[in-house]
N, C-alpha and C. Protein backbone atom coordinates (compact mmCIF):
# COMPACT_ATOMS: atom_id res chain seq x y z
N MET A 1 -47.46 -20.59 28.71
CA MET A 1 -46.51 -19.52 28.87
C MET A 1 -45.14 -20.05 28.48
N GLY A 2 -44.42 -19.33 27.64
CA GLY A 2 -43.10 -19.77 27.16
C GLY A 2 -41.99 -19.44 28.14
N ILE A 3 -40.90 -20.13 27.98
CA ILE A 3 -39.73 -19.89 28.82
C ILE A 3 -38.81 -18.95 28.05
N GLY A 4 -38.42 -17.86 28.69
CA GLY A 4 -37.54 -16.88 28.06
C GLY A 4 -36.08 -17.20 28.33
N VAL A 5 -35.27 -17.06 27.32
CA VAL A 5 -33.84 -17.27 27.47
C VAL A 5 -33.15 -15.94 27.22
N ALA A 6 -32.34 -15.53 28.18
CA ALA A 6 -31.64 -14.25 28.05
C ALA A 6 -30.34 -14.48 27.28
N ILE A 7 -30.19 -13.81 26.18
CA ILE A 7 -28.96 -13.88 25.39
C ILE A 7 -28.11 -12.68 25.77
N PRO A 8 -26.88 -12.93 26.24
CA PRO A 8 -26.04 -11.80 26.65
C PRO A 8 -25.68 -10.92 25.46
N VAL A 9 -25.76 -9.63 25.67
CA VAL A 9 -25.46 -8.66 24.64
C VAL A 9 -24.10 -8.03 24.96
N PHE A 10 -23.25 -7.93 23.94
CA PHE A 10 -21.96 -7.29 24.14
C PHE A 10 -21.60 -6.49 22.90
N ASP A 11 -20.80 -5.47 23.12
CA ASP A 11 -20.32 -4.63 22.02
C ASP A 11 -18.89 -5.01 21.70
N ALA A 12 -18.57 -5.01 20.45
CA ALA A 12 -17.21 -5.33 20.01
C ALA A 12 -16.64 -4.15 19.25
N ILE A 13 -15.39 -3.86 19.53
CA ILE A 13 -14.66 -2.80 18.82
C ILE A 13 -13.49 -3.47 18.11
N THR A 14 -13.37 -3.23 16.82
CA THR A 14 -12.28 -3.80 16.04
C THR A 14 -11.44 -2.67 15.46
N ARG A 15 -10.11 -2.82 15.56
CA ARG A 15 -9.19 -1.84 14.99
C ARG A 15 -8.22 -2.58 14.07
N ILE A 16 -8.07 -2.09 12.85
CA ILE A 16 -7.19 -2.73 11.87
C ILE A 16 -6.15 -1.71 11.41
N GLU A 17 -4.86 -2.11 11.48
CA GLU A 17 -3.77 -1.30 10.95
C GLU A 17 -3.04 -2.11 9.90
N ARG A 18 -2.72 -1.46 8.80
CA ARG A 18 -1.99 -2.15 7.73
C ARG A 18 -0.84 -1.27 7.28
N ARG A 19 0.36 -1.85 7.25
CA ARG A 19 1.55 -1.14 6.82
C ARG A 19 2.15 -1.87 5.61
N ASN A 20 2.35 -1.12 4.54
CA ASN A 20 2.94 -1.67 3.32
C ASN A 20 4.36 -1.13 3.18
N THR A 21 5.32 -2.02 3.06
CA THR A 21 6.70 -1.64 2.79
C THR A 21 7.09 -2.29 1.47
N THR A 22 7.63 -1.50 0.56
CA THR A 22 7.95 -2.03 -0.76
C THR A 22 9.36 -1.64 -1.18
N LEU A 23 9.94 -2.47 -1.99
CA LEU A 23 11.21 -2.19 -2.66
C LEU A 23 10.97 -2.48 -4.13
N ASP A 24 11.10 -1.45 -4.97
CA ASP A 24 10.84 -1.60 -6.39
C ASP A 24 12.15 -1.69 -7.16
N THR A 25 12.23 -2.64 -8.08
CA THR A 25 13.34 -2.71 -9.03
C THR A 25 12.76 -2.37 -10.39
N LEU A 26 13.26 -1.29 -10.99
CA LEU A 26 12.63 -0.76 -12.19
C LEU A 26 13.64 -0.58 -13.32
N ALA A 27 13.15 -0.77 -14.53
CA ALA A 27 13.85 -0.36 -15.74
C ALA A 27 13.08 0.82 -16.30
N TRP A 28 13.74 1.73 -16.99
CA TRP A 28 13.05 2.88 -17.51
C TRP A 28 13.57 3.27 -18.89
N VAL A 29 12.69 3.95 -19.62
CA VAL A 29 13.01 4.46 -20.95
C VAL A 29 12.54 5.91 -21.00
N ALA A 30 13.42 6.81 -21.43
CA ALA A 30 13.08 8.23 -21.52
C ALA A 30 12.76 8.61 -22.96
N GLN A 31 11.74 9.46 -23.09
CA GLN A 31 11.34 9.96 -24.42
C GLN A 31 11.29 11.48 -24.35
N PRO A 32 12.13 12.17 -25.13
CA PRO A 32 12.06 13.64 -25.14
C PRO A 32 10.75 14.11 -25.76
N VAL A 33 10.10 15.06 -25.08
CA VAL A 33 8.85 15.61 -25.58
C VAL A 33 9.07 17.01 -26.14
N GLY A 34 10.04 17.69 -25.60
CA GLY A 34 10.41 19.03 -26.05
C GLY A 34 11.82 19.30 -25.60
N SER A 35 12.24 20.55 -25.70
CA SER A 35 13.60 20.89 -25.30
C SER A 35 13.79 20.84 -23.79
N ARG A 36 12.71 20.94 -23.00
CA ARG A 36 12.83 21.01 -21.54
C ARG A 36 12.07 19.91 -20.81
N VAL A 37 11.42 18.99 -21.53
CA VAL A 37 10.60 17.96 -20.88
C VAL A 37 10.92 16.58 -21.47
N ASP A 38 11.10 15.61 -20.58
CA ASP A 38 11.23 14.20 -20.97
C ASP A 38 10.14 13.41 -20.26
N LEU A 39 9.51 12.46 -20.97
CA LEU A 39 8.62 11.50 -20.33
C LEU A 39 9.43 10.22 -20.08
N VAL A 40 9.25 9.65 -18.90
CA VAL A 40 9.99 8.44 -18.53
C VAL A 40 8.99 7.35 -18.21
N TYR A 41 9.08 6.22 -18.90
CA TYR A 41 8.20 5.08 -18.68
C TYR A 41 8.93 4.06 -17.81
N LEU A 42 8.28 3.62 -16.75
CA LEU A 42 8.89 2.73 -15.76
C LEU A 42 8.19 1.38 -15.76
N GLY A 43 8.93 0.32 -15.52
CA GLY A 43 8.34 -1.01 -15.39
C GLY A 43 9.28 -1.93 -14.64
N GLY A 44 8.72 -2.83 -13.84
CA GLY A 44 9.59 -3.74 -13.11
C GLY A 44 8.83 -4.59 -12.10
N ILE A 45 9.55 -4.93 -11.03
CA ILE A 45 9.02 -5.84 -10.01
C ILE A 45 9.05 -5.14 -8.65
N ALA A 46 7.98 -5.32 -7.88
CA ALA A 46 7.90 -4.77 -6.52
C ALA A 46 7.95 -5.92 -5.52
N PHE A 47 8.84 -5.79 -4.54
CA PHE A 47 8.92 -6.74 -3.44
C PHE A 47 8.17 -6.11 -2.27
N ASN A 48 7.16 -6.81 -1.76
CA ASN A 48 6.26 -6.25 -0.76
C ASN A 48 6.36 -6.97 0.58
N ARG A 49 6.26 -6.20 1.66
CA ARG A 49 6.10 -6.73 3.02
C ARG A 49 4.88 -6.03 3.59
N ILE A 50 3.85 -6.80 3.92
CA ILE A 50 2.60 -6.24 4.42
C ILE A 50 2.38 -6.76 5.84
N VAL A 51 2.27 -5.82 6.79
CA VAL A 51 2.01 -6.17 8.19
C VAL A 51 0.60 -5.69 8.52
N GLU A 52 -0.23 -6.61 8.99
CA GLU A 52 -1.61 -6.28 9.35
C GLU A 52 -1.85 -6.65 10.80
N ASP A 53 -2.19 -5.66 11.61
CA ASP A 53 -2.51 -5.86 13.02
C ASP A 53 -4.01 -5.65 13.21
N ILE A 54 -4.67 -6.65 13.80
CA ILE A 54 -6.10 -6.57 14.09
C ILE A 54 -6.27 -6.76 15.58
N SER A 55 -6.93 -5.80 16.24
CA SER A 55 -7.18 -5.93 17.67
C SER A 55 -8.68 -5.86 17.93
N PHE A 56 -9.10 -6.63 18.93
CA PHE A 56 -10.50 -6.73 19.32
C PHE A 56 -10.65 -6.27 20.76
N GLN A 57 -11.76 -5.61 21.04
CA GLN A 57 -12.07 -5.24 22.41
C GLN A 57 -13.56 -5.45 22.64
N PHE A 58 -13.89 -6.18 23.71
CA PHE A 58 -15.28 -6.46 24.04
C PHE A 58 -15.64 -5.74 25.33
N THR A 59 -16.83 -5.14 25.38
CA THR A 59 -17.26 -4.44 26.59
C THR A 59 -17.67 -5.43 27.68
N ARG A 60 -18.16 -6.60 27.30
CA ARG A 60 -18.53 -7.65 28.25
C ARG A 60 -17.95 -8.96 27.75
N ARG A 61 -17.54 -9.80 28.66
CA ARG A 61 -17.02 -11.12 28.29
C ARG A 61 -18.06 -12.18 28.62
N ILE A 62 -18.17 -13.12 27.72
CA ILE A 62 -19.06 -14.26 27.97
C ILE A 62 -18.23 -15.31 28.70
N VAL A 63 -18.73 -15.79 29.81
CA VAL A 63 -18.00 -16.74 30.63
C VAL A 63 -17.75 -18.02 29.84
N GLY A 64 -16.51 -18.50 29.87
CA GLY A 64 -16.17 -19.75 29.22
C GLY A 64 -15.70 -19.61 27.79
N ILE A 65 -15.80 -18.42 27.19
CA ILE A 65 -15.34 -18.22 25.82
C ILE A 65 -14.10 -17.33 25.87
N VAL A 66 -13.03 -17.85 25.32
CA VAL A 66 -11.78 -17.09 25.28
C VAL A 66 -11.57 -16.60 23.85
N VAL A 67 -11.42 -15.32 23.71
CA VAL A 67 -11.22 -14.71 22.40
C VAL A 67 -9.88 -13.99 22.42
N PRO A 68 -9.00 -14.25 21.45
CA PRO A 68 -7.72 -13.53 21.45
C PRO A 68 -7.95 -12.03 21.25
N ASN A 69 -7.13 -11.23 21.92
CA ASN A 69 -7.30 -9.78 21.84
C ASN A 69 -6.74 -9.18 20.56
N SER A 70 -5.71 -9.82 19.99
CA SER A 70 -5.13 -9.25 18.78
C SER A 70 -4.45 -10.34 17.96
N THR A 71 -4.31 -10.04 16.69
CA THR A 71 -3.57 -10.92 15.78
C THR A 71 -2.67 -10.06 14.90
N ARG A 72 -1.55 -10.63 14.49
CA ARG A 72 -0.63 -9.96 13.57
C ARG A 72 -0.31 -10.91 12.43
N THR A 73 -0.46 -10.42 11.21
CA THR A 73 -0.14 -11.21 10.02
C THR A 73 0.92 -10.46 9.23
N ILE A 74 1.98 -11.17 8.85
CA ILE A 74 3.03 -10.59 8.01
C ILE A 74 3.09 -11.40 6.73
N THR A 75 2.98 -10.70 5.59
CA THR A 75 2.96 -11.34 4.28
C THR A 75 4.09 -10.78 3.43
N TYR A 76 4.81 -11.66 2.75
CA TYR A 76 5.84 -11.27 1.80
C TYR A 76 5.42 -11.76 0.42
N ASP A 77 5.53 -10.89 -0.58
CA ASP A 77 5.21 -11.33 -1.94
C ASP A 77 5.85 -10.41 -2.97
N VAL A 78 5.68 -10.79 -4.22
CA VAL A 78 6.28 -10.07 -5.34
C VAL A 78 5.19 -9.81 -6.37
N GLY A 79 5.22 -8.64 -7.00
CA GLY A 79 4.23 -8.32 -8.02
C GLY A 79 4.76 -7.28 -8.99
N PRO A 80 4.04 -7.03 -10.07
CA PRO A 80 4.49 -6.06 -11.07
C PRO A 80 4.26 -4.61 -10.63
N VAL A 81 5.04 -3.71 -11.20
CA VAL A 81 4.88 -2.27 -10.99
C VAL A 81 5.13 -1.58 -12.33
N ALA A 82 4.32 -0.56 -12.62
CA ALA A 82 4.48 0.24 -13.85
C ALA A 82 4.18 1.69 -13.52
N GLY A 83 4.80 2.61 -14.23
CA GLY A 83 4.55 4.01 -13.95
C GLY A 83 5.06 4.91 -15.03
N ILE A 84 4.83 6.20 -14.80
CA ILE A 84 5.29 7.23 -15.73
C ILE A 84 5.72 8.45 -14.91
N GLU A 85 6.79 9.10 -15.37
CA GLU A 85 7.28 10.33 -14.76
C GLU A 85 7.53 11.36 -15.86
N ALA A 86 7.49 12.61 -15.46
CA ALA A 86 7.89 13.70 -16.36
C ALA A 86 9.08 14.40 -15.73
N ARG A 87 10.12 14.61 -16.49
CA ARG A 87 11.28 15.36 -16.00
C ARG A 87 11.25 16.72 -16.68
N ILE A 88 10.92 17.72 -15.89
CA ILE A 88 10.71 19.07 -16.41
C ILE A 88 11.87 19.95 -15.96
N ALA A 89 12.61 20.50 -16.91
CA ALA A 89 13.78 21.33 -16.60
C ALA A 89 13.33 22.69 -16.07
N LEU A 90 13.79 23.00 -14.85
CA LEU A 90 13.54 24.33 -14.29
C LEU A 90 14.74 25.25 -14.53
N THR A 91 15.94 24.68 -14.42
CA THR A 91 17.19 25.38 -14.74
C THR A 91 18.06 24.40 -15.54
N ASP A 92 19.31 24.74 -15.74
CA ASP A 92 20.20 23.84 -16.47
C ASP A 92 20.46 22.55 -15.69
N HIS A 93 20.34 22.59 -14.36
CA HIS A 93 20.67 21.43 -13.54
C HIS A 93 19.49 20.88 -12.73
N VAL A 94 18.49 21.68 -12.44
CA VAL A 94 17.37 21.26 -11.57
C VAL A 94 16.17 20.83 -12.41
N ARG A 95 15.63 19.66 -12.06
CA ARG A 95 14.45 19.12 -12.75
C ARG A 95 13.33 18.88 -11.74
N LEU A 96 12.11 19.23 -12.11
CA LEU A 96 10.91 18.86 -11.35
C LEU A 96 10.46 17.51 -11.90
N VAL A 97 10.20 16.54 -11.00
CA VAL A 97 9.87 15.18 -11.44
C VAL A 97 8.56 14.72 -10.80
N PRO A 98 7.40 15.05 -11.40
CA PRO A 98 6.14 14.46 -10.93
C PRO A 98 5.93 13.10 -11.59
N GLY A 99 5.21 12.21 -10.90
CA GLY A 99 4.98 10.89 -11.48
C GLY A 99 3.88 10.14 -10.77
N VAL A 100 3.58 8.97 -11.31
CA VAL A 100 2.59 8.08 -10.69
C VAL A 100 2.99 6.64 -11.02
N ARG A 101 2.80 5.75 -10.03
CA ARG A 101 3.08 4.32 -10.22
C ARG A 101 1.86 3.51 -9.84
N LEU A 102 1.64 2.43 -10.56
CA LEU A 102 0.60 1.46 -10.25
C LEU A 102 1.33 0.20 -9.83
N GLN A 103 1.08 -0.22 -8.59
CA GLN A 103 1.86 -1.31 -8.01
C GLN A 103 0.95 -2.39 -7.46
N SER A 104 1.25 -3.64 -7.81
CA SER A 104 0.50 -4.79 -7.33
C SER A 104 0.87 -5.08 -5.89
N LEU A 105 -0.15 -5.43 -5.10
CA LEU A 105 0.08 -5.90 -3.73
C LEU A 105 -0.20 -7.38 -3.72
N GLY A 106 0.81 -8.14 -3.92
CA GLY A 106 0.64 -9.58 -3.85
C GLY A 106 0.68 -10.24 -5.20
N GLY A 107 1.04 -11.51 -5.16
CA GLY A 107 1.09 -12.29 -6.38
C GLY A 107 -0.28 -12.58 -6.94
N ASN A 108 -1.30 -12.65 -6.07
CA ASN A 108 -2.65 -12.89 -6.60
C ASN A 108 -3.41 -11.57 -6.64
N ALA A 109 -4.26 -11.42 -7.59
CA ALA A 109 -4.94 -10.14 -7.82
C ALA A 109 -5.93 -9.79 -6.72
N ALA A 110 -6.27 -10.71 -5.85
CA ALA A 110 -7.24 -10.44 -4.79
C ALA A 110 -6.67 -9.47 -3.75
N GLN A 111 -5.36 -9.36 -3.66
CA GLN A 111 -4.75 -8.47 -2.67
C GLN A 111 -5.02 -7.00 -3.00
N GLY A 112 -4.94 -6.62 -4.25
CA GLY A 112 -5.24 -5.25 -4.63
C GLY A 112 -4.08 -4.55 -5.31
N TRP A 113 -4.28 -3.26 -5.52
CA TRP A 113 -3.31 -2.43 -6.21
C TRP A 113 -3.12 -1.13 -5.44
N LEU A 114 -1.91 -0.58 -5.50
CA LEU A 114 -1.62 0.74 -4.94
C LEU A 114 -1.40 1.71 -6.09
N VAL A 115 -1.96 2.90 -5.97
CA VAL A 115 -1.66 3.99 -6.88
C VAL A 115 -0.81 4.97 -6.08
N ARG A 116 0.44 5.16 -6.52
CA ARG A 116 1.39 5.94 -5.75
C ARG A 116 1.83 7.18 -6.52
N PRO A 117 1.21 8.32 -6.24
CA PRO A 117 1.67 9.56 -6.86
C PRO A 117 2.97 10.03 -6.20
N SER A 118 3.76 10.78 -6.93
CA SER A 118 5.02 11.29 -6.36
C SER A 118 5.39 12.61 -7.01
N ALA A 119 6.23 13.35 -6.32
CA ALA A 119 6.79 14.59 -6.86
C ALA A 119 8.14 14.79 -6.20
N GLY A 120 9.10 15.25 -6.96
CA GLY A 120 10.42 15.47 -6.40
C GLY A 120 11.24 16.40 -7.27
N LEU A 121 12.43 16.70 -6.77
CA LEU A 121 13.39 17.49 -7.52
C LEU A 121 14.61 16.63 -7.78
N SER A 122 15.21 16.77 -8.94
CA SER A 122 16.45 16.03 -9.23
C SER A 122 17.51 17.03 -9.71
N TRP A 123 18.74 16.64 -9.51
CA TRP A 123 19.89 17.42 -9.96
C TRP A 123 20.56 16.68 -11.09
N GLN A 124 20.73 17.31 -12.22
CA GLN A 124 21.36 16.69 -13.37
C GLN A 124 22.70 17.37 -13.63
N PHE A 125 23.75 16.56 -13.78
CA PHE A 125 25.09 17.11 -14.02
C PHE A 125 25.32 17.36 -15.48
């Protein structure tokens, strides 16, 4: 007859929050497409601050093992950013400006990329 060993069973809950804060420095070139539309090509550098909070919760604790409940990682890095916008004249002064940017998260490609769509109104004097 064998000896049984009881292995304690516990459930773990993990919660991850990630906040990306960026400051983009861009150069741009405008190309007229018609009398009321300009395409604008953007390119430059993005300065990134990434805060990642990971928290753990266990339903049962194993005696003698201490596990931290949460960790916070803050990363600063720089990467390329490129995009395109359209400036569409609605009136003589008001422009609709839809666009999209592709922005690197981190100096190494393993971090990933952000696709940032945008839309706004601009006033032209």
